[in-house]
């Protein structure tokens, strides 16, 4: 269980200007092990700042963050904490350190001095999980953008994390690669029981989340299932979040008396209009 209790944090605006910009203001939330939680809000709303506190990259000015009972601010448990909570960021090239696919995946395991036999088993499993099996000797620079993001994911999966924080992981992918990556991510979440925290601006991506948490100006403004949150379009708009296309179509048609779910599929819209 991840517990965030009344956490606040501020950034210094600049060296020239005295003052601070609040990034988080009294944030409280919980993420159960094995759950899928989406964090949404406009740029600067505090989502990424909070995420970086979950494995000790940032420390709260006030309040507490605990991960499975570990205090994220405690220096003695930082290595264990960072094994439990792993990140995949927007740009996979910022995470790739190896010349070959195998070198890159092995990097973190080597630092932990994982025995070679165990290392090979984990690498083989991770490559199969993300669909890069047989590519061990391939140069990382020759991979496509989607393949590099898969490699970044494989490189954290071998660490056997309990939670994955995905900070806009599809923002640099084309629509086809984006859909494939999200499907793969959901499969891993369900099969391995890994908790997911998905930071995104795109509501279309979080249809399968258990819960969405809405941020604005460093505060949690609301939370609920993705479907329930669509019932408060004014709140979504105030948090800088656009309705999914089909949900917006449904809202317009329902105002005209067409019977449709709040967030229909394309097939449901077609049937309603035919």
Protein backbone atom coordinates (compact mmCIF):
# COMPACT_ATOMS: atom_id res chain seq x y z
CA UNK A 1 0.00 0.00 0.00
CA UNK A 2 1.22 3.50 -0.88
CA UNK A 3 0.02 6.11 1.60
CA UNK A 4 0.42 9.83 1.01
CA UNK A 5 -0.68 11.84 4.05
CA UNK A 6 -1.10 15.63 3.96
CA UNK A 7 1.98 16.17 1.78
CA UNK A 8 3.14 19.63 0.73
CA UNK A 9 6.10 20.70 -1.40
CA UNK A 10 7.26 23.93 -3.07
CA UNK A 11 9.78 24.89 -5.75
CA UNK A 12 11.94 28.01 -5.62
CA UNK A 13 10.86 30.09 -8.62
CA UNK A 14 14.33 31.40 -9.55
CA UNK A 15 17.61 32.65 -8.14
CA UNK A 16 16.63 36.24 -8.91
CA UNK A 17 13.11 36.21 -7.51
CA UNK A 18 12.55 35.54 -3.85
CA UNK A 19 9.59 33.29 -3.29
CA UNK A 20 8.34 29.79 -3.90
CA UNK A 21 5.74 28.10 -6.06
CA UNK A 22 3.61 25.54 -4.23
CA UNK A 23 3.69 22.25 -6.15
CA UNK A 24 1.72 20.14 -3.66
CA UNK A 25 -0.66 21.42 -1.00
CA UNK A 26 -1.96 18.99 1.61
CA UNK A 27 -2.22 16.01 -0.73
CA UNK A 28 -3.64 12.81 0.77
CA UNK A 29 -4.30 9.60 -1.15
CA UNK A 30 -3.79 5.83 -1.05
CA UNK A 31 -2.83 3.33 -3.74
CA UNK A 32 -3.53 -0.31 -2.93
CA UNK A 33 -1.02 -2.93 -4.01
CA UNK A 34 -1.96 -4.33 -7.41
CA UNK A 35 -4.35 -1.50 -8.28
CA UNK A 36 -4.28 0.76 -11.33
CA UNK A 37 -4.54 4.45 -10.50
CA UNK A 38 -4.36 7.30 -13.01
CA UNK A 39 -3.10 10.74 -11.98
CA UNK A 40 -4.47 13.51 -14.21
CA UNK A 41 -4.25 17.28 -14.40
CA UNK A 42 -2.72 20.06 -16.44
CA UNK A 43 1.02 20.79 -16.57
CA UNK A 44 2.25 22.03 -13.21
CA UNK A 45 -0.64 20.53 -11.26
CA UNK A 46 1.66 18.41 -9.06
CA UNK A 47 1.31 14.92 -10.55
CA UNK A 48 4.96 14.35 -11.41
CA UNK A 49 6.18 16.00 -8.21
CA UNK A 50 4.11 13.56 -6.17
CA UNK A 51 5.30 10.61 -8.25
CA UNK A 52 8.95 11.46 -7.57
CA UNK A 53 8.30 11.28 -3.85
CA UNK A 54 7.21 7.67 -4.07
CA UNK A 55 10.76 6.37 -4.40
CA UNK A 56 12.61 9.12 -2.57
CA UNK A 57 13.67 11.27 -5.54
CA UNK A 58 12.00 14.20 -3.75
CA UNK A 59 11.22 14.60 -0.06
CA UNK A 60 8.04 16.29 1.22
CA UNK A 61 8.38 19.54 3.13
CA UNK A 62 5.55 18.38 5.36
CA UNK A 63 3.45 15.26 5.60
CA UNK A 64 4.53 11.67 5.00
CA UNK A 65 4.85 9.19 2.15
CA UNK A 66 5.03 5.47 2.97
CA UNK A 67 5.38 2.53 0.61
CA UNK A 68 4.45 -0.85 2.10
CA UNK A 69 5.23 0.60 5.51
CA UNK A 70 8.57 2.14 4.47
CA UNK A 71 9.00 5.86 5.09
CA UNK A 72 10.10 7.27 1.72
CA UNK A 73 12.10 9.98 3.51
CA UNK A 74 14.22 7.49 5.49
CA UNK A 75 17.78 7.39 4.03
CA UNK A 76 18.47 3.84 5.22
CA UNK A 77 15.78 2.27 3.01
CA UNK A 78 16.34 4.21 -0.24
CA UNK A 79 17.80 1.28 -2.17
CA UNK A 80 14.98 -1.04 -1.15
CA UNK A 81 12.42 1.68 -1.89
CA UNK A 82 13.76 2.24 -5.40
CA UNK A 83 13.55 -1.46 -6.14
CA UNK A 84 9.92 -1.46 -5.03
CA UNK A 85 8.91 1.63 -7.04
CA UNK A 86 10.23 1.84 -10.60
CA UNK A 87 9.68 4.56 -13.22
CA UNK A 88 9.14 4.70 -16.97
CA UNK A 89 9.33 8.25 -18.33
CA UNK A 90 8.21 10.06 -21.49
CA UNK A 91 11.48 9.77 -23.37
CA UNK A 92 12.94 6.24 -23.23
CA UNK A 93 16.32 7.47 -24.48
CA UNK A 94 16.80 9.18 -21.12
CA UNK A 95 16.66 5.74 -19.46
CA UNK A 96 18.71 3.69 -21.92
CA UNK A 97 22.31 3.23 -20.78
CA UNK A 98 23.44 0.05 -22.59
CA UNK A 99 24.92 -0.32 -26.07
CA UNK A 100 22.89 -3.47 -26.70
CA UNK A 101 19.43 -4.53 -25.56
CA UNK A 102 20.86 -7.14 -23.19
CA UNK A 103 23.43 -4.71 -21.75
CA UNK A 104 20.72 -2.20 -20.98
CA UNK A 105 18.44 -4.67 -19.20
CA UNK A 106 21.36 -6.14 -17.26
CA UNK A 107 22.61 -2.77 -15.99
CA UNK A 108 20.41 -2.50 -12.89
CA UNK A 109 20.81 -6.18 -12.04
CA UNK A 110 24.61 -5.87 -12.23
CA UNK A 111 24.53 -2.97 -9.79
CA UNK A 112 22.59 -5.16 -7.37
CA UNK A 113 25.07 -8.01 -7.90
CA UNK A 114 22.31 -10.43 -8.91
CA UNK A 115 23.84 -13.89 -9.63
CA UNK A 116 24.45 -14.50 -13.34
CA UNK A 117 22.01 -17.44 -13.64
CA UNK A 118 19.23 -15.45 -11.99
CA UNK A 119 20.11 -12.43 -14.12
CA UNK A 120 19.78 -14.43 -17.33
CA UNK A 121 16.40 -15.83 -16.25
CA UNK A 122 15.05 -12.37 -15.48
CA UNK A 123 16.36 -10.90 -18.74
CA UNK A 124 14.80 -13.70 -20.78
CA UNK A 125 11.48 -13.28 -18.95
CA UNK A 126 11.46 -9.48 -19.35
CA UNK A 127 12.25 -9.66 -23.08
CA UNK A 128 9.47 -12.18 -23.64
CA UNK A 129 7.06 -10.08 -21.59
CA UNK A 130 7.56 -6.95 -23.72
CA UNK A 131 7.97 -8.80 -27.03
CA UNK A 132 11.69 -8.18 -27.60
CA UNK A 133 12.82 -11.80 -27.35
CA UNK A 134 15.61 -12.64 -29.79
CA UNK A 135 16.80 -9.02 -29.89
CA UNK A 136 19.38 -9.29 -27.08
CA UNK A 137 22.40 -8.43 -29.27
CA UNK A 138 20.71 -5.63 -31.18
CA UNK A 139 22.07 -2.11 -30.74
CA UNK A 140 19.74 0.06 -28.69
CA UNK A 141 20.27 2.98 -31.08
CA UNK A 142 18.70 0.91 -33.89
CA UNK A 143 15.39 0.38 -32.09
CA UNK A 144 12.24 2.28 -33.05
CA UNK A 145 10.61 4.67 -30.58
CA UNK A 146 8.06 2.05 -29.54
CA UNK A 147 10.77 -0.59 -29.14
CA UNK A 148 12.85 1.77 -27.01
CA UNK A 149 9.87 2.31 -24.72
CA UNK A 150 9.45 -1.46 -24.47
CA UNK A 151 13.13 -1.73 -23.56
CA UNK A 152 12.73 0.92 -20.86
CA UNK A 153 9.83 -1.10 -19.46
CA UNK A 154 11.81 -4.37 -19.60
CA UNK A 155 14.71 -2.70 -17.78
CA UNK A 156 12.49 -1.89 -14.80
CA UNK A 157 10.53 -5.15 -14.86
CA UNK A 158 13.71 -7.17 -14.23
CA UNK A 159 14.00 -5.36 -10.90
CA UNK A 160 10.73 -7.09 -9.84
CA UNK A 161 9.01 -3.91 -8.61
CA UNK A 162 5.78 -3.89 -6.63
CA UNK A 163 4.73 -0.60 -8.24
CA UNK A 164 5.33 0.97 -11.65
CA UNK A 165 5.04 4.73 -12.12
CA UNK A 166 4.41 5.58 -15.77
CA UNK A 167 4.98 9.29 -16.40
CA UNK A 168 3.28 9.96 -19.76
CA UNK A 169 4.94 6.88 -21.29
CA UNK A 170 3.09 7.10 -24.61
CA UNK A 171 3.54 10.80 -25.38
CA UNK A 172 6.28 10.13 -27.96
CA UNK A 173 4.59 7.16 -29.64
CA UNK A 174 2.41 7.06 -32.75
CA UNK A 175 -1.23 5.94 -32.29
CA UNK A 176 -0.57 2.31 -33.23
CA UNK A 177 2.47 1.96 -30.97
CA UNK A 178 0.59 3.77 -28.20
CA UNK A 179 -2.35 1.35 -28.27
CA UNK A 180 -0.01 -1.66 -28.35
CA UNK A 181 2.07 -0.34 -25.44
CA UNK A 182 -1.01 0.33 -23.30
CA UNK A 183 -2.42 -3.15 -23.99
CA UNK A 184 0.92 -4.68 -23.02
CA UNK A 185 1.04 -2.58 -19.86
CA UNK A 186 -2.42 -3.73 -18.79
CA UNK A 187 -1.48 -7.37 -19.43
CA UNK A 188 1.61 -7.02 -17.24
CA UNK A 189 -0.39 -5.30 -14.52
CA UNK A 190 -3.01 -8.06 -14.47
CA UNK A 191 -0.68 -11.04 -14.84
CA UNK A 192 2.05 -9.90 -12.46
CA UNK A 193 -0.12 -8.03 -9.94
CA UNK A 194 2.07 -4.94 -10.18
CA UNK A 195 0.51 -1.70 -8.99
CA UNK A 196 0.30 0.96 -11.72
CA UNK A 197 0.36 4.73 -11.31
CA UNK A 198 -0.25 6.23 -14.73
CA UNK A 199 0.37 9.95 -15.25
CA UNK A 200 -1.27 11.20 -18.43
CA UNK A 201 -3.18 14.08 -20.03
CA UNK A 202 -5.15 11.73 -22.26
CA UNK A 203 -8.40 10.46 -20.76
CA UNK A 204 -8.71 7.91 -23.57
CA UNK A 205 -5.74 6.06 -22.07
CA UNK A 206 -7.26 5.43 -18.65
CA UNK A 207 -10.51 3.66 -19.50
CA UNK A 208 -9.25 0.49 -17.77
CA UNK A 209 -7.95 2.20 -14.61
CA UNK A 210 -9.50 1.35 -11.24
CA UNK A 211 -9.45 4.99 -10.18
CA UNK A 212 -8.53 8.43 -11.51
CA UNK A 213 -7.22 11.18 -9.21
CA UNK A 214 -7.70 14.75 -10.47
CA UNK A 215 -5.09 17.41 -9.64
CA UNK A 216 -5.23 21.19 -9.91
CA UNK A 217 -2.65 23.63 -8.59
CA UNK A 218 -1.08 21.06 -6.29
CA UNK A 219 -4.30 19.82 -4.75
CA UNK A 220 -6.42 16.70 -5.19
CA UNK A 221 -9.74 18.00 -6.51
CA UNK A 222 -11.56 14.70 -6.84
CA UNK A 223 -11.23 11.00 -7.48
CA UNK A 224 -13.37 8.11 -8.64
CA UNK A 225 -13.67 5.55 -11.38
CA UNK A 226 -12.95 6.83 -14.91
CA UNK A 227 -16.62 6.42 -15.78
CA UNK A 228 -17.92 8.18 -12.67
CA UNK A 229 -15.51 11.08 -13.16
CA UNK A 230 -17.04 11.75 -16.58
CA UNK A 231 -20.25 12.69 -14.75
CA UNK A 232 -18.47 15.87 -13.56
CA UNK A 233 -17.32 17.50 -16.83
CA UNK A 234 -17.00 20.92 -15.17
CA UNK A 235 -14.50 19.51 -12.68
CA UNK A 236 -12.54 17.82 -15.46
CA UNK A 237 -12.41 21.07 -17.42
CA UNK A 238 -11.22 23.00 -14.36
CA UNK A 239 -8.34 20.50 -14.09
CA UNK A 240 -7.41 21.01 -17.74
CA UNK A 241 -8.74 17.62 -18.87
CA UNK A 242 -10.67 17.18 -22.10
CA UNK A 243 -13.51 14.67 -22.37
CA UNK A 244 -12.73 11.58 -24.45
CA UNK A 245 -14.06 12.08 -27.97
CA UNK A 246 -16.81 9.46 -27.73
CA UNK A 247 -17.86 10.72 -24.30
CA UNK A 248 -18.22 14.22 -25.74
CA UNK A 249 -20.23 12.83 -28.67
CA UNK A 250 -22.43 10.92 -26.23
CA UNK A 251 -23.06 14.03 -24.12
CA UNK A 252 -24.15 16.00 -27.19
CA UNK A 253 -26.41 13.22 -28.47
CA UNK A 254 -27.98 12.55 -25.07
CA UNK A 255 -28.97 16.21 -24.89
CA UNK A 256 -30.95 15.52 -28.08
CA UNK A 257 -32.66 12.50 -26.57
CA UNK A 258 -30.45 9.73 -27.97
CA UNK A 259 -30.01 6.89 -25.48
CA UNK A 260 -26.30 6.20 -25.01
CA UNK A 261 -23.89 5.28 -22.20
CA UNK A 262 -21.78 8.09 -20.75
CA UNK A 263 -18.65 6.67 -22.41
CA UNK A 264 -19.82 4.52 -25.33
CA UNK A 265 -17.80 2.49 -27.77
CA UNK A 266 -17.77 3.48 -31.42
CA UNK A 267 -20.06 0.54 -32.19
CA UNK A 268 -22.60 1.71 -29.59
CA UNK A 269 -22.72 5.18 -31.15
CA UNK A 270 -23.21 3.74 -34.63
CA UNK A 271 -26.03 1.46 -33.43
CA UNK A 272 -27.76 4.35 -31.67
CA UNK A 273 -27.72 6.46 -34.83
CA UNK A 274 -28.80 3.75 -37.27
